[in-house]
Amino acid sequence: MSTIIGVRFKRNDRVQYFDSAGISLSAGDRVVVETEDGPREGWVAIAPGQVAHSDLKGPLSPALKRIEPDFD
């Protein structure tokens, strides 16, 4: 069973849903996900385990990787 995350690509964008693909993610993490237009960077708006599975239809695209914070 997949763990679903909600991702936003811009601050006021609608939330889109993806499979976390086994990556440990929390709300606020930067993430790269696979979209119809190719890989795209966004932010986790809804953490794994907080999405109602019954509201979603069809297969979900996967998260590809978590982007580590840059503290230079």
Protein backbone atom coordinates (compact mmCIF):
# COMPACT_ATOMS: atom_id res chain seq x y z
CA MET A 1 0.00 0.00 0.00
CA SER A 2 1.37 3.42 -0.92
CA THR A 3 1.84 6.28 1.50
CA ILE A 4 0.31 9.38 -0.03
CA ILE A 5 1.68 12.92 0.28
CA GLY A 6 0.17 16.23 -0.80
CA VAL A 7 2.55 18.53 -2.70
CA ARG A 8 2.35 22.19 -3.74
CA PHE A 9 4.59 23.62 -6.44
CA LYS A 10 3.89 27.28 -5.63
CA ARG A 11 2.67 28.89 -2.41
CA ASN A 12 -0.98 29.22 -3.50
CA ASP A 13 -1.19 26.25 -5.89
CA ARG A 14 -3.69 23.49 -5.33
CA VAL A 15 -2.38 20.41 -3.58
CA GLN A 16 -1.52 17.49 -5.85
CA TYR A 17 -1.10 13.96 -4.55
CA PHE A 18 1.84 11.59 -5.02
CA ASP A 19 3.13 8.26 -3.71
CA SER A 20 5.97 8.88 -1.22
CA ALA A 21 7.73 5.80 -2.70
CA GLY A 22 9.14 4.81 0.69
CA ILE A 23 10.94 8.12 1.22
CA SER A 24 10.68 9.47 4.78
CA LEU A 25 8.94 12.85 4.39
CA SER A 26 7.32 15.45 6.64
CA ALA A 27 5.22 18.55 5.98
CA GLY A 28 7.48 21.36 4.78
CA ASP A 29 10.12 19.11 3.18
CA ARG A 30 11.30 20.00 -0.32
CA VAL A 31 10.79 17.11 -2.70
CA VAL A 32 11.17 16.20 -6.38
CA VAL A 33 8.17 14.33 -7.80
CA GLU A 34 7.43 12.80 -11.20
CA THR A 35 4.73 14.75 -13.10
CA GLU A 36 3.27 14.41 -16.59
CA ASP A 37 5.75 17.12 -17.66
CA GLY A 38 8.75 15.42 -16.04
CA PRO A 39 10.43 15.83 -12.64
CA ARG A 40 9.34 18.89 -10.68
CA GLU A 41 10.32 20.40 -7.33
CA GLY A 42 7.72 21.25 -4.70
CA TRP A 43 6.97 21.24 -0.97
CA VAL A 44 5.16 18.61 1.07
CA ALA A 45 1.93 20.32 2.17
CA ILE A 46 0.24 17.22 3.58
CA ALA A 47 2.37 14.67 5.39
CA PRO A 48 2.13 10.91 4.83
CA GLY A 49 -0.75 9.33 6.71
CA GLN A 50 -2.92 12.48 6.63
CA VAL A 51 -4.58 11.90 3.24
CA ALA A 52 -7.90 10.06 2.92
CA HIS A 53 -7.24 7.29 0.36
CA SER A 54 -10.92 7.09 -0.60
CA ASP A 55 -10.80 10.61 -2.09
CA LEU A 56 -8.19 9.65 -4.71
CA LYS A 57 -8.64 7.81 -7.98
CA GLY A 58 -6.14 6.14 -10.27
CA PRO A 59 -2.43 5.44 -9.86
CA LEU A 60 -0.21 8.07 -8.24
CA SER A 61 3.12 9.28 -9.59
CA PRO A 62 6.07 8.74 -7.24
CA ALA A 63 8.25 11.08 -5.24
CA LEU A 64 11.77 10.80 -6.62
CA LYS A 65 13.84 12.27 -3.81
CA ARG A 66 13.87 14.55 -0.79
CA ILE A 67 15.93 17.71 -1.21
CA GLU A 68 18.20 18.31 1.78
CA PRO A 69 18.20 21.84 3.22
CA ASP A 70 21.14 24.02 2.18
CA PHE A 71 22.55 25.80 5.25
CA ASP A 72 25.52 27.61 3.70
